[in-house]
Amino acid sequence: MPHDASDCLEVRVTAADRAEAERIRTAAVGERLAADAQLLGPIESVYRWAGEVQRAEEWLLLMKTTAERFEELARRVRELHSYEVPQIVAVVLAAGTADYLDWIRRETSRPPVG
């Protein structure tokens, strides 16, 4: 039976190359901003930038976190990212298994202070 996952997100970030994607995902998981991060690529992107259609090879990160940690994760991605306007979008998880959702919440919880 699926469980409510509305406080859990999948954050999607594209990166210019594999090394940048690796830096982002290692920091995100290491700093408990994301419970996990899958890396897909290379992918082909087409987008409009500076008034022109651009094509680029990019790498896609899929990271699971909680709504509570999203802003911190987005801030950290911006610090590590080479793009002026990086793709940082989140999709609310509609449902999931209780054990997996609990794992996301546990792995992204803030460590106790003191």
PDB file of N, CA and C in Angstrom:
ATOM      1  N   MET A   1       0.849  -1.182   0.000  1.00  0.00           N
ATOM      2  CA  MET A   1       0.000   0.000   0.000  1.00  0.00           C
ATOM      3  C   MET A   1       0.892   1.243   0.000  1.00  0.00           C
ATOM      4  N   PRO A   2       0.651   2.184  -0.902  1.00  0.00           N
ATOM      5  CA  PRO A   2       1.482   3.390  -0.941  1.00  0.00           C
ATOM      6  C   PRO A   2       1.208   4.296   0.252  1.00  0.00           C
ATOM      7  N   HIS A   3       2.237   5.010   0.652  1.00  0.00           N
ATOM      8  CA  HIS A   3       2.143   5.930   1.782  1.00  0.00           C
ATOM      9  C   HIS A   3       2.334   7.355   1.294  1.00  0.00           C
ATOM     10  N   ASP A   4       1.758   8.294   2.041  1.00  0.00           N
ATOM     11  CA  ASP A   4       1.876   9.707   1.687  1.00  0.00           C
ATOM     12  C   ASP A   4       3.346  10.113   1.653  1.00  0.00           C
ATOM     13  N   ALA A   5       3.742  10.724   0.550  1.00  0.00           N
ATOM     14  CA  ALA A   5       5.137  11.149   0.368  1.00  0.00           C
ATOM     15  C   ALA A   5       5.226  12.630   0.091  1.00  0.00           C
ATOM     16  N   SER A   6       4.184  13.376   0.403  1.00  0.00           N
ATOM     17  CA  SER A   6       4.108  14.782  -0.004  1.00  0.00           C
ATOM     18  C   SER A   6       5.201  15.661   0.590  1.00  0.00           C
ATOM     19  N   ASP A   7       5.883  15.197   1.628  1.00  0.00           N
ATOM     20  CA  ASP A   7       6.995  15.971   2.184  1.00  0.00           C
ATOM     21  C   ASP A   7       8.333  15.567   1.553  1.00  0.00           C
ATOM     22  N   CYS A   8       8.309  14.615   0.617  1.00  0.00           N
ATOM     23  CA  CYS A   8       9.528  14.139  -0.033  1.00  0.00           C
ATOM     24  C   CYS A   8       9.555  14.593  -1.488  1.00  0.00           C
ATOM     25  N   LEU A   9      10.746  14.937  -1.964  1.00  0.00           N
ATOM     26  CA  LEU A   9      10.923  15.494  -3.302  1.00  0.00           C
ATOM     27  C   LEU A   9      11.982  14.734  -4.080  1.00  0.00           C
ATOM     28  N   GLU A  10      11.842  14.762  -5.406  1.00  0.00           N
ATOM     29  CA  GLU A  10      12.938  14.395  -6.290  1.00  0.00           C
ATOM     30  C   GLU A  10      13.415  15.693  -6.921  1.00  0.00           C
ATOM     31  N   VAL A  11      14.674  16.032  -6.700  1.00  0.00           N
ATOM     32  CA  VAL A  11      15.256  17.270  -7.225  1.00  0.00           C
ATOM     33  C   VAL A  11      16.077  16.910  -8.454  1.00  0.00           C
ATOM     34  N   ARG A  12      15.809  17.615  -9.545  1.00  0.00           N
ATOM     35  CA  ARG A  12      16.469  17.350 -10.819  1.00  0.00           C
ATOM     36  C   ARG A  12      17.389  18.515 -11.162  1.00  0.00           C
ATOM     37  N   VAL A  13      18.651  18.179 -11.373  1.00  0.00           N
ATOM     38  CA  VAL A  13      19.679  19.175 -11.675  1.00  0.00           C
ATOM     39  C   VAL A  13      20.463  18.687 -12.875  1.00  0.00           C
ATOM     40  N   THR A  14      20.677  19.565 -13.858  1.00  0.00           N
ATOM     41  CA  THR A  14      21.579  19.230 -14.952  1.00  0.00           C
ATOM     42  C   THR A  14      22.927  19.897 -14.686  1.00  0.00           C
ATOM     43  N   ALA A  15      23.989  19.237 -15.131  1.00  0.00           N
ATOM     44  CA  ALA A  15      25.347  19.749 -14.932  1.00  0.00           C
ATOM     45  C   ALA A  15      26.087  19.744 -16.265  1.00  0.00           C
ATOM     46  N   ALA A  16      27.080  20.603 -16.356  1.00  0.00           N
ATOM     47  CA  ALA A  16      27.824  20.778 -17.610  1.00  0.00           C
ATOM     48  C   ALA A  16      28.651  19.554 -17.976  1.00  0.00           C
ATOM     49  N   ASP A  17      29.145  18.841 -16.979  1.00  0.00           N
ATOM     50  CA  ASP A  17      29.951  17.652 -17.257  1.00  0.00           C
ATOM     51  C   ASP A  17      29.879  16.706 -16.065  1.00  0.00           C
ATOM     52  N   ARG A  18      30.439  15.528 -16.253  1.00  0.00           N
ATOM     53  CA  ARG A  18      30.371  14.507 -15.205  1.00  0.00           C
ATOM     54  C   ARG A  18      31.068  14.957 -13.924  1.00  0.00           C
ATOM     55  N   ALA A  19      32.212  15.616 -14.041  1.00  0.00           N
ATOM     56  CA  ALA A  19      32.956  16.044 -12.858  1.00  0.00           C
ATOM     57  C   ALA A  19      32.125  17.009 -12.013  1.00  0.00           C
ATOM     58  N   GLU A  20      31.448  17.951 -12.665  1.00  0.00           N
ATOM     59  CA  GLU A  20      30.600  18.890 -11.928  1.00  0.00           C
ATOM     60  C   GLU A  20      29.454  18.153 -11.242  1.00  0.00           C
ATOM     61  N   ALA A  21      28.828  17.231 -11.957  1.00  0.00           N
ATOM     62  CA  ALA A  21      27.733  16.446 -11.386  1.00  0.00           C
ATOM     63  C   ALA A  21      28.220  15.634 -10.185  1.00  0.00           C
ATOM     64  N   GLU A  22      29.415  15.053 -10.288  1.00  0.00           N
ATOM     65  CA  GLU A  22      29.985  14.280  -9.183  1.00  0.00           C
ATOM     66  C   GLU A  22      30.225  15.168  -7.960  1.00  0.00           C
ATOM     67  N   ARG A  23      30.749  16.373  -8.170  1.00  0.00           N
ATOM     68  CA  ARG A  23      30.971  17.303  -7.051  1.00  0.00           C
ATOM     69  C   ARG A  23      29.657  17.629  -6.351  1.00  0.00           C
ATOM     70  N   ILE A  24      28.632  17.907  -7.140  1.00  0.00           N
ATOM     71  CA  ILE A  24      27.333  18.278  -6.582  1.00  0.00           C
ATOM     72  C   ILE A  24      26.729  17.120  -5.798  1.00  0.00           C
ATOM     73  N   ARG A  25      26.729  15.938  -6.390  1.00  0.00           N
ATOM     74  CA  ARG A  25      26.071  14.826  -5.700  1.00  0.00           C
ATOM     75  C   ARG A  25      26.838  14.379  -4.465  1.00  0.00           C
ATOM     76  N   THR A  26      28.152  14.412  -4.522  1.00  0.00           N
ATOM     77  CA  THR A  26      28.947  14.038  -3.357  1.00  0.00           C
ATOM     78  C   THR A  26      28.698  15.003  -2.208  1.00  0.00           C
ATOM     79  N   ALA A  27      28.660  16.295  -2.494  1.00  0.00           N
ATOM     80  CA  ALA A  27      28.381  17.290  -1.455  1.00  0.00           C
ATOM     81  C   ALA A  27      26.961  17.134  -0.923  1.00  0.00           C
ATOM     82  N   ALA A  28      25.994  16.965  -1.814  1.00  0.00           N
ATOM     83  CA  ALA A  28      24.587  16.877  -1.394  1.00  0.00           C
ATOM     84  C   ALA A  28      24.351  15.705  -0.453  1.00  0.00           C
ATOM     85  N   VAL A  29      24.871  14.550  -0.801  1.00  0.00           N
ATOM     86  CA  VAL A  29      24.669  13.371   0.044  1.00  0.00           C
ATOM     87  C   VAL A  29      25.560  13.459   1.287  1.00  0.00           C
ATOM     88  N   GLY A  30      26.797  13.882   1.115  1.00  0.00           N
ATOM     89  CA  GLY A  30      27.719  13.990   2.244  1.00  0.00           C
ATOM     90  C   GLY A  30      27.254  14.967   3.303  1.00  0.00           C
ATOM     91  N   GLU A  31      26.586  16.030   2.886  1.00  0.00           N
ATOM     92  CA  GLU A  31      26.088  17.053   3.814  1.00  0.00           C
ATOM     93  C   GLU A  31      24.648  16.809   4.254  1.00  0.00           C
ATOM     94  N   ARG A  32      24.107  15.643   3.921  1.00  0.00           N
ATOM     95  CA  ARG A  32      22.758  15.224   4.298  1.00  0.00           C
ATOM     96  C   ARG A  32      21.669  16.126   3.706  1.00  0.00           C
ATOM     97  N   LEU A  33      21.969  16.789   2.606  1.00  0.00           N
ATOM     98  CA  LEU A  33      20.969  17.601   1.918  1.00  0.00           C
ATOM     99  C   LEU A  33      20.121  16.736   0.988  1.00  0.00           C
ATOM    100  N   ALA A  34      20.646  15.588   0.614  1.00  0.00           N
ATOM    101  CA  ALA A  34      19.926  14.599  -0.188  1.00  0.00           C
ATOM    102  C   ALA A  34      20.238  13.218   0.374  1.00  0.00           C
ATOM    103  N   ALA A  35      19.248  12.336   0.319  1.00  0.00           N
ATOM    104  CA  ALA A  35      19.454  10.965   0.793  1.00  0.00           C
ATOM    105  C   ALA A  35      20.228  10.152  -0.227  1.00  0.00           C
ATOM    106  N   ASP A  36      20.014  10.442  -1.495  1.00  0.00           N
ATOM    107  CA  ASP A  36      20.723   9.754  -2.565  1.00  0.00           C
ATOM    108  C   ASP A  36      20.763  10.638  -3.793  1.00  0.00           C
ATOM    109  N   ALA A  37      21.572  10.233  -4.757  1.00  0.00           N
ATOM    110  CA  ALA A  37      21.690  10.992  -6.010  1.00  0.00           C
ATOM    111  C   ALA A  37      22.095  10.046  -7.123  1.00  0.00           C
ATOM    112  N   GLN A  38      21.212   9.867  -8.079  1.00  0.00           N
ATOM    113  CA  GLN A  38      21.534   9.079  -9.255  1.00  0.00           C
ATOM    114  C   GLN A  38      22.053  10.008 -10.341  1.00  0.00           C
ATOM    115  N   LEU A  39      23.004   9.515 -11.101  1.00  0.00           N
ATOM    116  CA  LEU A  39      23.624  10.294 -12.171  1.00  0.00           C
ATOM    117  C   LEU A  39      23.334   9.615 -13.496  1.00  0.00           C
ATOM    118  N   LEU A  40      22.737  10.347 -14.425  1.00  0.00           N
ATOM    119  CA  LEU A  40      22.413   9.844 -15.754  1.00  0.00           C
ATOM    120  C   LEU A  40      23.129  10.685 -16.796  1.00  0.00           C
ATOM    121  N   GLY A  41      23.646  10.043 -17.813  1.00  0.00           N
ATOM    122  CA  GLY A  41      24.243  10.836 -18.872  1.00  0.00           C
ATOM    123  C   GLY A  41      25.283  10.080 -19.648  1.00  0.00           C
ATOM    124  N   PRO A  42      25.776  10.747 -20.628  1.00  0.00           N
ATOM    125  CA  PRO A  42      25.375  12.113 -20.983  1.00  0.00           C
ATOM    126  C   PRO A  42      23.995  12.146 -21.633  1.00  0.00           C
ATOM    127  N   ILE A  43      23.343  13.295 -21.497  1.00  0.00           N
ATOM    128  CA  ILE A  43      22.053  13.546 -22.142  1.00  0.00           C
ATOM    129  C   ILE A  43      22.224  14.710 -23.100  1.00  0.00           C
ATOM    130  N   GLU A  44      21.339  14.803 -24.059  1.00  0.00           N
ATOM    131  CA  GLU A  44      21.351  15.908 -25.024  1.00  0.00           C
ATOM    132  C   GLU A  44      20.280  16.914 -24.628  1.00  0.00           C
ATOM    133  N   SER A  45      20.660  18.165 -24.450  1.00  0.00           N
ATOM    134  CA  SER A  45      19.709  19.212 -24.085  1.00  0.00           C
ATOM    135  C   SER A  45      19.620  20.250 -25.193  1.00  0.00           C
ATOM    136  N   VAL A  46      18.423  20.728 -25.432  1.00  0.00           N
ATOM    137  CA  VAL A  46      18.173  21.846 -26.337  1.00  0.00           C
ATOM    138  C   VAL A  46      17.390  22.869 -25.531  1.00  0.00           C
ATOM    139  N   TYR A  47      17.841  24.111 -25.548  1.00  0.00           N
ATOM    140  CA  TYR A  47      17.202  25.140 -24.742  1.00  0.00           C
ATOM    141  C   TYR A  47      17.476  26.514 -25.362  1.00  0.00           C
ATOM    142  N   ARG A  48      16.696  27.487 -24.948  1.00  0.00           N
ATOM    143  CA  ARG A  48      16.888  28.847 -25.421  1.00  0.00           C
ATOM    144  C   ARG A  48      17.663  29.605 -24.350  1.00  0.00           C
ATOM    145  N   TRP A  49      18.773  30.244 -24.753  1.00  0.00           N
ATOM    146  CA  TRP A  49      19.592  31.034 -23.839  1.00  0.00           C
ATOM    147  C   TRP A  49      20.177  32.207 -24.613  1.00  0.00           C
ATOM    148  N   ALA A  50      20.133  33.394 -24.035  1.00  0.00           N
ATOM    149  CA  ALA A  50      20.672  34.614 -24.642  1.00  0.00           C
ATOM    150  C   ALA A  50      20.075  34.840 -26.030  1.00  0.00           C
ATOM    151  N   GLY A  51      18.785  34.521 -26.167  1.00  0.00           N
ATOM    152  CA  GLY A  51      18.080  34.786 -27.412  1.00  0.00           C
ATOM    153  C   GLY A  51      18.342  33.798 -28.529  1.00  0.00           C
ATOM    154  N   GLU A  52      19.062  32.726 -28.236  1.00  0.00           N
ATOM    155  CA  GLU A  52      19.372  31.749 -29.274  1.00  0.00           C
ATOM    156  C   GLU A  52      19.085  30.336 -28.780  1.00  0.00           C
ATOM    157  N   VAL A  53      18.781  29.445 -29.720  1.00  0.00           N
ATOM    158  CA  VAL A  53      18.610  28.037 -29.394  1.00  0.00           C
ATOM    159  C   VAL A  53      20.001  27.417 -29.244  1.00  0.00           C
ATOM    160  N   GLN A  54      20.208  26.769 -28.116  1.00  0.00           N
ATOM    161  CA  GLN A  54      21.494  26.150 -27.799  1.00  0.00           C
ATOM    162  C   GLN A  54      21.335  24.639 -27.721  1.00  0.00           C
ATOM    163  N   ARG A  55      22.414  23.933 -27.965  1.00  0.00           N
ATOM    164  CA  ARG A  55      22.473  22.481 -27.787  1.00  0.00           C
ATOM    165  C   ARG A  55      23.673  22.181 -26.908  1.00  0.00           C
ATOM    166  N   ALA A  56      23.489  21.251 -25.982  1.00  0.00           N
ATOM    167  CA  ALA A  56      24.597  20.908 -25.093  1.00  0.00           C
ATOM    168  C   ALA A  56      24.481  19.465 -24.629  1.00  0.00           C
ATOM    169  N   GLU A  57      25.642  18.871 -24.377  1.00  0.00           N
ATOM    170  CA  GLU A  57      25.689  17.591 -23.694  1.00  0.00           C
ATOM    171  C   GLU A  57      25.753  17.900 -22.211  1.00  0.00           C
ATOM    172  N   GLU A  58      24.859  17.293 -21.437  1.00  0.00           N
ATOM    173  CA  GLU A  58      24.808  17.546 -20.000  1.00  0.00           C
ATOM    174  C   GLU A  58      24.671  16.221 -19.256  1.00  0.00           C
ATOM    175  N   TRP A  59      24.756  16.307 -17.943  1.00  0.00           N
ATOM    176  CA  TRP A  59      24.560  15.167 -17.061  1.00  0.00           C
ATOM    177  C   TRP A  59      23.396  15.504 -16.137  1.00  0.00           C
ATOM    178  N   LEU A  60      22.539  14.524 -15.859  1.00  0.00           N
ATOM    179  CA  LEU A  60      21.335  14.741 -15.064  1.00  0.00           C
ATOM    180  C   LEU A  60      21.461  14.058 -13.710  1.00  0.00           C
ATOM    181  N   LEU A  61      21.227  14.825 -12.664  1.00  0.00           N
ATOM    182  CA  LEU A  61      21.185  14.307 -11.297  1.00  0.00           C
ATOM    183  C   LEU A  61      19.740  14.204 -10.838  1.00  0.00           C
ATOM    184  N   LEU A  62      19.392  13.092 -10.232  1.00  0.00           N
ATOM    185  CA  LEU A  62      18.090  12.890  -9.595  1.00  0.00           C
ATOM    186  C   LEU A  62      18.363  12.652  -8.123  1.00  0.00           C
ATOM    187  N   MET A  63      17.981  13.605  -7.288  1.00  0.00           N
ATOM    188  CA  MET A  63      18.282  13.525  -5.860  1.00  0.00           C
ATOM    189  C   MET A  63      16.991  13.509  -5.053  1.00  0.00           C
ATOM    190  N   LYS A  64      16.945  12.666  -4.014  1.00  0.00           N
ATOM    191  CA  LYS A  64      15.793  12.625  -3.133  1.00  0.00           C
ATOM    192  C   LYS A  64      16.098  13.373  -1.852  1.00  0.00           C
ATOM    193  N   THR A  65      15.146  14.220  -1.451  1.00  0.00           N
ATOM    194  CA  THR A  65      15.283  15.010  -0.232  1.00  0.00           C
ATOM    195  C   THR A  65      13.893  15.288   0.316  1.00  0.00           C
ATOM    196  N   THR A  66      13.846  16.118   1.348  1.00  0.00           N
ATOM    197  CA  THR A  66      12.560  16.535   1.906  1.00  0.00           C
ATOM    198  C   THR A  66      12.308  17.998   1.539  1.00  0.00           C
ATOM    199  N   ALA A  67      11.055  18.387   1.607  1.00  0.00           N
ATOM    200  CA  ALA A  67      10.698  19.781   1.316  1.00  0.00           C
ATOM    201  C   ALA A  67      11.439  20.719   2.269  1.00  0.00           C
ATOM    202  N   GLU A  68      11.629  20.283   3.498  1.00  0.00           N
ATOM    203  CA  GLU A  68      12.320  21.093   4.498  1.00  0.00           C
ATOM    204  C   GLU A  68      13.767  21.395   4.085  1.00  0.00           C
ATOM    205  N   ARG A  69      14.415  20.497   3.388  1.00  0.00           N
ATOM    206  CA  ARG A  69      15.831  20.657   3.028  1.00  0.00           C
ATOM    207  C   ARG A  69      16.038  21.229   1.624  1.00  0.00           C
ATOM    208  N   PHE A  70      14.951  21.451   0.864  1.00  0.00           N
ATOM    209  CA  PHE A  70      15.092  21.873  -0.526  1.00  0.00           C
ATOM    210  C   PHE A  70      15.893  23.165  -0.686  1.00  0.00           C
ATOM    211  N   GLU A  71      15.580  24.199   0.063  1.00  0.00           N
ATOM    212  CA  GLU A  71      16.270  25.484  -0.119  1.00  0.00           C
ATOM    213  C   GLU A  71      17.767  25.372   0.166  1.00  0.00           C
ATOM    214  N   GLU A  72      18.120  24.606   1.185  1.00  0.00           N
ATOM    215  CA  GLU A  72      19.546  24.406   1.482  1.00  0.00           C
ATOM    216  C   GLU A  72      20.235  23.638   0.361  1.00  0.00           C
ATOM    217  N   LEU A  73      19.562  22.621  -0.165  1.00  0.00           N
ATOM    218  CA  LEU A  73      20.120  21.860  -1.282  1.00  0.00           C
ATOM    219  C   LEU A  73      20.288  22.758  -2.506  1.00  0.00           C
ATOM    220  N   ALA A  74      19.278  23.554  -2.816  1.00  0.00           N
ATOM    221  CA  ALA A  74      19.360  24.458  -3.970  1.00  0.00           C
ATOM    222  C   ALA A  74      20.498  25.460  -3.802  1.00  0.00           C
ATOM    223  N   ARG A  75      20.658  25.989  -2.615  1.00  0.00           N
ATOM    224  CA  ARG A  75      21.745  26.944  -2.351  1.00  0.00           C
ATOM    225  C   ARG A  75      23.108  26.282  -2.568  1.00  0.00           C
ATOM    226  N   ARG A  76      23.264  25.059  -2.084  1.00  0.00           N
ATOM    227  CA  ARG A  76      24.539  24.345  -2.230  1.00  0.00           C
ATOM    228  C   ARG A  76      24.815  24.010  -3.689  1.00  0.00           C
ATOM    229  N   VAL A  77      23.786  23.620  -4.423  1.00  0.00           N
ATOM    230  CA  VAL A  77      23.952  23.350  -5.858  1.00  0.00           C
ATOM    231  C   VAL A  77      24.449  24.616  -6.558  1.00  0.00           C
ATOM    232  N   ARG A  78      23.838  25.755  -6.266  1.00  0.00           N
ATOM    233  CA  ARG A  78      24.266  27.022  -6.889  1.00  0.00           C
ATOM    234  C   ARG A  78      25.731  27.331  -6.586  1.00  0.00           C
ATOM    235  N   GLU A  79      26.174  27.054  -5.362  1.00  0.00           N
ATOM    236  CA  GLU A  79      27.569  27.309  -4.979  1.00  0.00           C
ATOM    237  C   GLU A  79      28.546  26.478  -5.807  1.00  0.00           C
ATOM    238  N   LEU A  80      28.151  25.271  -6.145  1.00  0.00           N
ATOM    239  CA  LEU A  80      29.044  24.336  -6.834  1.00  0.00           C
ATOM    240  C   LEU A  80      28.884  24.334  -8.347  1.00  0.00           C
ATOM    241  N   HIS A  81      27.861  24.992  -8.851  1.00  0.00           N
ATOM    242  CA  HIS A  81      27.483  24.906 -10.266  1.00  0.00           C
ATOM    243  C   HIS A  81      28.165  25.971 -11.106  1.00  0.00           C
ATOM    244  N   SER A  82      28.475  25.628 -12.345  1.00  0.00           N
ATOM    245  CA  SER A  82      29.134  26.564 -13.263  1.00  0.00           C
ATOM    246  C   SER A  82      28.150  27.442 -14.031  1.00  0.00           C
ATOM    247  N   TYR A  83      26.891  27.057 -14.100  1.00  0.00           N
ATOM    248  CA  TYR A  83      25.911  27.820 -14.882  1.00  0.00           C
ATOM    249  C   TYR A  83      25.447  29.071 -14.139  1.00  0.00           C
ATOM    250  N   GLU A  84      25.151  30.103 -14.904  1.00  0.00           N
ATOM    251  CA  GLU A  84      24.571  31.317 -14.330  1.00  0.00           C
ATOM    252  C   GLU A  84      23.188  31.037 -13.752  1.00  0.00           C
ATOM    253  N   VAL A  85      22.397  30.235 -14.470  1.00  0.00           N
ATOM    254  CA  VAL A  85      21.056  29.853 -14.028  1.00  0.00           C
ATOM    255  C   VAL A  85      20.933  28.330 -14.152  1.00  0.00           C
ATOM    256  N   PRO A  86      21.349  27.595 -13.144  1.00  0.00           N
ATOM    257  CA  PRO A  86      21.264  26.134 -13.236  1.00  0.00           C
ATOM    258  C   PRO A  86      19.826  25.644 -13.109  1.00  0.00           C
ATOM    259  N   GLN A  87      19.560  24.510 -13.751  1.00  0.00           N
ATOM    260  CA  GLN A  87      18.266  23.855 -13.565  1.00  0.00           C
ATOM    261  C   GLN A  87      18.259  23.223 -12.182  1.00  0.00           C
ATOM    262  N   ILE A  88      17.363  23.689 -11.344  1.00  0.00           N
ATOM    263  CA  ILE A  88      17.133  23.087 -10.030  1.00  0.00           C
ATOM    264  C   ILE A  88      15.618  23.054  -9.870  1.00  0.00           C
ATOM    265  N   VAL A  89      15.018  21.908 -10.144  1.00  0.00           N
ATOM    266  CA  VAL A  89      13.567  21.777 -10.035  1.00  0.00           C
ATOM    267  C   VAL A  89      13.246  20.581  -9.156  1.00  0.00           C
ATOM    268  N   ALA A  90      12.124  20.668  -8.479  1.00  0.00           N
ATOM    269  CA  ALA A  90      11.712  19.585  -7.593  1.00  0.00           C
ATOM    270  C   ALA A  90      10.327  19.097  -7.978  1.00  0.00           C
ATOM    271  N   VAL A  91      10.154  17.798  -7.876  1.00  0.00           N
ATOM    272  CA  VAL A  91       8.877  17.148  -8.115  1.00  0.00           C
ATOM    273  C   VAL A  91       8.475  16.470  -6.808  1.00  0.00           C
ATOM    274  N   VAL A  92       7.270  16.741  -6.352  1.00  0.00           N
ATOM    275  CA  VAL A  92       6.771  16.101  -5.134  1.00  0.00           C
ATOM    276  C   VAL A  92       6.503  14.631  -5.435  1.00  0.00           C
ATOM    277  N   LEU A  93       6.971  13.762  -4.557  1.00  0.00           N
ATOM    278  CA  LEU A  93       6.678  12.338  -4.705  1.00  0.00           C
ATOM    279  C   LEU A  93       5.234  12.102  -4.276  1.00  0.00           C
ATOM    280  N   ALA A  94       4.459  11.469  -5.121  1.00  0.00           N
ATOM    281  CA  ALA A  94       3.042  11.243  -4.834  1.00  0.00           C
ATOM    282  C   ALA A  94       2.844  10.146  -3.798  1.00  0.00           C
ATOM    283  N   ALA A  95       3.669   9.129  -3.856  1.00  0.00           N
ATOM    284  CA  ALA A  95       3.536   7.998  -2.941  1.00  0.00           C
ATOM    285  C   ALA A  95       4.838   7.214  -2.959  1.00  0.00           C
ATOM    286  N   GLY A  96       4.959   6.332  -1.983  1.00  0.00           N
ATOM    287  CA  GLY A  96       6.131   5.469  -1.909  1.00  0.00           C
ATOM    288  C   GLY A  96       5.943   4.462  -0.802  1.00  0.00           C
ATOM    289  N   THR A  97       6.880   3.558  -0.687  1.00  0.00           N
ATOM    290  CA  THR A  97       6.803   2.592   0.403  1.00  0.00           C
ATOM    291  C   THR A  97       7.243   3.272   1.698  1.00  0.00           C
ATOM    292  N   ALA A  98       6.640   2.864   2.791  1.00  0.00           N
ATOM    293  CA  ALA A  98       6.912   3.505   4.076  1.00  0.00           C
ATOM    294  C   ALA A  98       8.387   3.439   4.435  1.00  0.00           C
ATOM    295  N   ASP A  99       9.019   2.294   4.215  1.00  0.00           N
ATOM    296  CA  ASP A  99      10.424   2.166   4.603  1.00  0.00           C
ATOM    297  C   ASP A  99      11.329   3.069   3.780  1.00  0.00           C
ATOM    298  N   TYR A 100      11.057   3.220   2.475  1.00  0.00           N
ATOM    299  CA  TYR A 100      11.884   4.091   1.638  1.00  0.00           C
ATOM    300  C   TYR A 100      11.689   5.559   2.016  1.00  0.00           C
ATOM    301  N   LEU A 101      10.457   5.969   2.209  1.00  0.00           N
ATOM    302  CA  LEU A 101      10.186   7.356   2.591  1.00  0.00           C
ATOM    303  C   LEU A 101      10.796   7.686   3.952  1.00  0.00           C
ATOM    304  N   ASP A 102      10.696   6.755   4.885  1.00  0.00           N
ATOM    305  CA  ASP A 102      11.325   6.971   6.199  1.00  0.00           C
ATOM    306  C   ASP A 102      12.834   7.098   6.060  1.00  0.00           C
ATOM    307  N   TRP A 103      13.416   6.317   5.159  1.00  0.00           N
ATOM    308  CA  TRP A 103      14.860   6.381   4.920  1.00  0.00           C
ATOM    309  C   TRP A 103      15.252   7.764   4.385  1.00  0.00           C
ATOM    310  N   ILE A 104      14.488   8.307   3.426  1.00  0.00           N
ATOM    311  CA  ILE A 104      14.766   9.656   2.905  1.00  0.00           C
ATOM    312  C   ILE A 104      14.733  10.661   4.056  1.00  0.00           C
ATOM    313  N   ARG A 105      13.692  10.602   4.861  1.00  0.00           N
ATOM    314  CA  ARG A 105      13.550  11.547   5.981  1.00  0.00           C
ATOM    315  C   ARG A 105      14.695  11.410   6.980  1.00  0.00           C
ATOM    316  N   ARG A 106      15.055  10.178   7.297  1.00  0.00           N
ATOM    317  CA  ARG A 106      16.134   9.932   8.265  1.00  0.00           C
ATOM    318  C   ARG A 106      17.492  10.414   7.728  1.00  0.00           C
ATOM    319  N   GLU A 107      17.791  10.114   6.472  1.00  0.00           N
ATOM    320  CA  GLU A 107      19.093  10.463   5.894  1.00  0.00           C
ATOM    321  C   GLU A 107      19.272  11.956   5.623  1.00  0.00           C
ATOM    322  N   THR A 108      18.172  12.688   5.575  1.00  0.00           N
ATOM    323  CA  THR A 108      18.275  14.136   5.349  1.00  0.00           C
ATOM    324  C   THR A 108      17.977  14.941   6.615  1.00  0.00           C
ATOM    325  N   SER A 109      17.826  14.243   7.736  1.00  0.00           N
ATOM    326  CA  SER A 109      17.566  14.967   8.976  1.00  0.00           C
ATOM    327  C   SER A 109      18.829  15.691   9.432  1.00  0.00           C
ATOM    328  N   ARG A 110      18.618  16.810  10.069  1.00  0.00           N
ATOM    329  CA  ARG A 110      19.757  17.589  10.579  1.00  0.00           C
ATOM    330  C   ARG A 110      20.375  16.857  11.752  1.00  0.00           C
ATOM    331  N   PRO A 111      21.716  16.810  11.804  1.00  0.00           N
ATOM    332  CA  PRO A 111      22.344  16.174  12.959  1.00  0.00           C
ATOM    333  C   PRO A 111      22.051  16.969  14.229  1.00  0.00           C
ATOM    334  N   PRO A 112      21.990  16.292  15.370  1.00  0.00           N
ATOM    335  CA  PRO A 112      21.739  17.009  16.632  1.00  0.00           C
ATOM    336  C   PRO A 112      22.829  18.049  16.896  1.00  0.00           C
ATOM    337  N   VAL A 113      22.425  19.161  17.455  1.00  0.00           N
ATOM    338  CA  VAL A 113      23.371  20.238  17.797  1.00  0.00           C
ATOM    339  C   VAL A 113      23.960  19.935  19.170  1.00  0.00           C
ATOM    340  N   GLY A 114      25.281  20.145  19.271  1.00  0.00           N
ATOM    341  CA  GLY A 114      25.934  20.009  20.564  1.00  0.00           C
ATOM    342  C   GLY A 114      26.410  18.685  20.788  1.00  0.00           C
TER     343      GLY A 114
END
